[in-house]
Amino acid sequence: MDRHLQLRIGGRYPLQRLFSMFPNAWPGAGLLLLRLVSGALLIHQGLIDPPMGRLPIAAVPGAFLIAGLWTPVVGVFVTALELWRAFTMMQDLRSSVLLGTIGAALAMIGPGATSVDNLWFGRKRIDA
């Protein structure tokens, strides 16, 4: 049996299960914009202007979102972090709800074509 076929599970490669698609053009630009703005806000609130209760560790997933690295995993982490923050500390509730929602959306949709995830795990076309 071909080694290439053995790596496939259910017609797909295991790493590609996390990423449904890597859109480019306008949808990809929209995802890039979401990643840049939410990542910059997480870094700003985590490092530069940490309000009471904001963990400085929030800057790490912000940097991962900007790069588009492990986007589904980081999106779930951001959502959980912001939900925890919204329920335990009531100041700046709008920011927590917004960042949590964007994190969940990015986890479901994926990073887009301009991301490290696409570079490492994206579908490759091989011309033989």
C-alpha atoms as a PDB file:
ATOM      1  CA  MET A   1       0.000   0.000   0.000  1.00  0.00           C
ATOM      2  CA  ASP A   2       1.245   3.471  -0.844  1.00  0.00           C
ATOM      3  CA  ARG A   3       2.647   5.409   2.146  1.00  0.00           C
ATOM      4  CA  HIS A   4       0.811   8.512   0.956  1.00  0.00           C
ATOM      5  CA  LEU A   5      -2.520   6.710   1.210  1.00  0.00           C
ATOM      6  CA  GLN A   6      -1.776   5.417   4.712  1.00  0.00           C
ATOM      7  CA  LEU A   7      -1.509   8.949   6.104  1.00  0.00           C
ATOM      8  CA  ARG A   8      -5.048   9.766   4.981  1.00  0.00           C
ATOM      9  CA  ILE A   9      -7.902   9.143   7.381  1.00  0.00           C
ATOM     10  CA  GLY A  10     -11.371   9.290   5.924  1.00  0.00           C
ATOM     11  CA  GLY A  11     -10.108  10.920   2.728  1.00  0.00           C
ATOM     12  CA  ARG A  12      -8.450  13.813   4.591  1.00  0.00           C
ATOM     13  CA  TYR A  13      -5.146  14.387   6.297  1.00  0.00           C
ATOM     14  CA  PRO A  14      -5.321  14.585  10.135  1.00  0.00           C
ATOM     15  CA  LEU A  15      -3.931  18.141  10.415  1.00  0.00           C
ATOM     16  CA  GLN A  16      -6.377  19.477   7.856  1.00  0.00           C
ATOM     17  CA  ARG A  17      -9.306  18.538  10.091  1.00  0.00           C
ATOM     18  CA  LEU A  18      -8.741  21.694  12.138  1.00  0.00           C
ATOM     19  CA  PHE A  19      -8.916  23.918   9.092  1.00  0.00           C
ATOM     20  CA  SER A  20     -12.020  23.839   6.953  1.00  0.00           C
ATOM     21  CA  MET A  21     -10.668  26.261   4.359  1.00  0.00           C
ATOM     22  CA  PHE A  22      -8.098  28.937   3.672  1.00  0.00           C
ATOM     23  CA  PRO A  23     -10.050  31.622   1.798  1.00  0.00           C
ATOM     24  CA  ASN A  24      -8.217  34.255  -0.178  1.00  0.00           C
ATOM     25  CA  ALA A  25      -9.286  37.460  -1.975  1.00  0.00           C
ATOM     26  CA  TRP A  26     -11.956  39.482  -0.091  1.00  0.00           C
ATOM     27  CA  PRO A  27     -12.927  36.783   2.445  1.00  0.00           C
ATOM     28  CA  GLY A  28      -9.254  36.190   3.237  1.00  0.00           C
ATOM     29  CA  ALA A  29      -8.677  39.927   3.638  1.00  0.00           C
ATOM     30  CA  GLY A  30     -11.629  40.075   6.038  1.00  0.00           C
ATOM     31  CA  LEU A  31     -10.193  37.254   8.134  1.00  0.00           C
ATOM     32  CA  LEU A  32      -6.788  38.942   8.137  1.00  0.00           C
ATOM     33  CA  LEU A  33      -8.416  42.170   9.321  1.00  0.00           C
ATOM     34  CA  LEU A  34     -10.239  40.318  12.127  1.00  0.00           C
ATOM     35  CA  ARG A  35      -7.009  38.625  13.207  1.00  0.00           C
ATOM     36  CA  LEU A  36      -4.991  41.850  13.144  1.00  0.00           C
ATOM     37  CA  VAL A  37      -7.493  43.966  15.076  1.00  0.00           C
ATOM     38  CA  SER A  38      -8.333  41.372  17.719  1.00  0.00           C
ATOM     39  CA  GLY A  39      -4.684  40.367  18.137  1.00  0.00           C
ATOM     40  CA  ALA A  40      -3.583  43.984  18.490  1.00  0.00           C
ATOM     41  CA  LEU A  41      -6.325  44.630  21.060  1.00  0.00           C
ATOM     42  CA  LEU A  42      -5.300  41.565  23.072  1.00  0.00           C
ATOM     43  CA  ILE A  43      -1.649  42.637  23.027  1.00  0.00           C
ATOM     44  CA  HIS A  44      -2.524  46.223  23.961  1.00  0.00           C
ATOM     45  CA  GLN A  45      -4.773  45.224  26.836  1.00  0.00           C
ATOM     46  CA  GLY A  46      -2.423  42.480  28.006  1.00  0.00           C
ATOM     47  CA  LEU A  47       0.856  44.380  27.993  1.00  0.00           C
ATOM     48  CA  ILE A  48       0.474  48.118  27.538  1.00  0.00           C
ATOM     49  CA  ASP A  49      -2.757  48.963  29.353  1.00  0.00           C
ATOM     50  CA  PRO A  50      -3.780  46.053  31.579  1.00  0.00           C
ATOM     51  CA  PRO A  51      -6.997  46.916  33.421  1.00  0.00           C
ATOM     52  CA  MET A  52      -7.744  45.250  36.730  1.00  0.00           C
ATOM     53  CA  GLY A  53      -8.193  41.550  36.150  1.00  0.00           C
ATOM     54  CA  ARG A  54      -6.721  41.404  32.649  1.00  0.00           C
ATOM     55  CA  LEU A  55      -3.999  38.815  32.598  1.00  0.00           C
ATOM     56  CA  PRO A  56      -0.790  39.782  30.781  1.00  0.00           C
ATOM     57  CA  ILE A  57      -0.867  36.309  29.261  1.00  0.00           C
ATOM     58  CA  ALA A  58      -3.613  37.580  26.938  1.00  0.00           C
ATOM     59  CA  ALA A  59      -0.836  39.108  24.831  1.00  0.00           C
ATOM     60  CA  VAL A  60       0.470  35.666  23.813  1.00  0.00           C
ATOM     61  CA  PRO A  61      -2.685  34.532  21.981  1.00  0.00           C
ATOM     62  CA  GLY A  62      -2.850  38.022  20.487  1.00  0.00           C
ATOM     63  CA  ALA A  63       0.516  37.494  18.847  1.00  0.00           C
ATOM     64  CA  PHE A  64      -0.556  34.026  17.662  1.00  0.00           C
ATOM     65  CA  LEU A  65      -3.721  35.494  16.116  1.00  0.00           C
ATOM     66  CA  ILE A  66      -1.777  38.185  14.273  1.00  0.00           C
ATOM     67  CA  ALA A  67       0.543  35.553  12.808  1.00  0.00           C
ATOM     68  CA  GLY A  68      -2.325  33.185  12.074  1.00  0.00           C
ATOM     69  CA  LEU A  69      -0.645  30.374  13.989  1.00  0.00           C
ATOM     70  CA  TRP A  70      -2.801  27.581  15.501  1.00  0.00           C
ATOM     71  CA  THR A  71      -5.824  29.797  14.930  1.00  0.00           C
ATOM     72  CA  PRO A  72      -8.588  27.308  15.894  1.00  0.00           C
ATOM     73  CA  VAL A  73      -6.856  26.392  19.154  1.00  0.00           C
ATOM     74  CA  VAL A  74      -6.004  30.000  19.989  1.00  0.00           C
ATOM     75  CA  GLY A  75      -9.547  31.111  19.107  1.00  0.00           C
ATOM     76  CA  VAL A  76     -10.997  28.640  21.605  1.00  0.00           C
ATOM     77  CA  PHE A  77      -8.470  29.773  24.232  1.00  0.00           C
ATOM     78  CA  VAL A  78      -9.345  33.446  23.673  1.00  0.00           C
ATOM     79  CA  THR A  79     -13.058  32.643  23.912  1.00  0.00           C
ATOM     80  CA  ALA A  80     -12.583  30.748  27.187  1.00  0.00           C
ATOM     81  CA  LEU A  81     -10.335  33.485  28.616  1.00  0.00           C
ATOM     82  CA  GLU A  82     -12.791  36.241  27.743  1.00  0.00           C
ATOM     83  CA  LEU A  83     -15.782  34.275  29.051  1.00  0.00           C
ATOM     84  CA  TRP A  84     -13.971  33.698  32.331  1.00  0.00           C
ATOM     85  CA  ARG A  85     -13.088  37.367  32.503  1.00  0.00           C
ATOM     86  CA  ALA A  86     -16.650  38.461  31.687  1.00  0.00           C
ATOM     87  CA  PHE A  87     -18.145  36.329  34.465  1.00  0.00           C
ATOM     88  CA  THR A  88     -15.552  37.072  37.143  1.00  0.00           C
ATOM     89  CA  MET A  89     -14.772  40.745  36.505  1.00  0.00           C
ATOM     90  CA  MET A  90     -17.526  42.998  35.281  1.00  0.00           C
ATOM     91  CA  GLN A  91     -15.488  45.983  34.109  1.00  0.00           C
ATOM     92  CA  ASP A  92     -14.986  46.345  30.366  1.00  0.00           C
ATOM     93  CA  LEU A  93     -17.675  43.759  29.641  1.00  0.00           C
ATOM     94  CA  ARG A  94     -18.151  44.917  26.022  1.00  0.00           C
ATOM     95  CA  SER A  95     -14.530  44.248  25.173  1.00  0.00           C
ATOM     96  CA  SER A  96     -14.701  40.753  26.665  1.00  0.00           C
ATOM     97  CA  VAL A  97     -17.864  39.873  24.761  1.00  0.00           C
ATOM     98  CA  LEU A  98     -16.449  41.236  21.502  1.00  0.00           C
ATOM     99  CA  LEU A  99     -13.076  39.488  21.797  1.00  0.00           C
ATOM    100  CA  GLY A 100     -14.717  36.229  22.886  1.00  0.00           C
ATOM    101  CA  THR A 101     -17.069  36.317  19.916  1.00  0.00           C
ATOM    102  CA  ILE A 102     -14.257  37.062  17.463  1.00  0.00           C
ATOM    103  CA  GLY A 103     -12.185  34.249  18.980  1.00  0.00           C
ATOM    104  CA  ALA A 104     -15.057  31.795  18.525  1.00  0.00           C
ATOM    105  CA  ALA A 105     -15.659  32.950  14.948  1.00  0.00           C
ATOM    106  CA  LEU A 106     -11.985  32.573  14.029  1.00  0.00           C
ATOM    107  CA  ALA A 107     -11.902  29.119  15.623  1.00  0.00           C
ATOM    108  CA  MET A 108     -14.846  28.044  13.466  1.00  0.00           C
ATOM    109  CA  ILE A 109     -13.891  29.711  10.174  1.00  0.00           C
ATOM    110  CA  GLY A 110     -10.105  29.414  10.204  1.00  0.00           C
ATOM    111  CA  PRO A 111      -7.243  31.828   9.631  1.00  0.00           C
ATOM    112  CA  GLY A 112      -7.467  32.596   5.904  1.00  0.00           C
ATOM    113  CA  ALA A 113      -4.885  32.400   3.156  1.00  0.00           C
ATOM    114  CA  THR A 114      -2.454  34.934   4.638  1.00  0.00           C
ATOM    115  CA  SER A 115      -1.445  32.954   7.716  1.00  0.00           C
ATOM    116  CA  VAL A 116       1.258  30.693   9.043  1.00  0.00           C
ATOM    117  CA  ASP A 117      -1.375  27.947   9.323  1.00  0.00           C
ATOM    118  CA  ASN A 118      -1.941  28.103   5.568  1.00  0.00           C
ATOM    119  CA  LEU A 119       1.782  28.044   4.932  1.00  0.00           C
ATOM    120  CA  TRP A 120       2.363  24.998   7.149  1.00  0.00           C
ATOM    121  CA  PHE A 121      -0.901  23.063   6.946  1.00  0.00           C
ATOM    122  CA  GLY A 122      -2.670  24.366   3.839  1.00  0.00           C
ATOM    123  CA  ARG A 123      -3.597  22.255   0.903  1.00  0.00           C
ATOM    124  CA  LYS A 124      -0.754  22.022  -1.561  1.00  0.00           C
ATOM    125  CA  ARG A 125      -1.054  21.549  -5.268  1.00  0.00           C
ATOM    126  CA  ILE A 126       1.666  19.352  -6.687  1.00  0.00           C
ATOM    127  CA  ASP A 127       2.116  19.324 -10.453  1.00  0.00           C
ATOM    128  CA  ALA A 128       3.769  16.141 -11.572  1.00  0.00           C
END
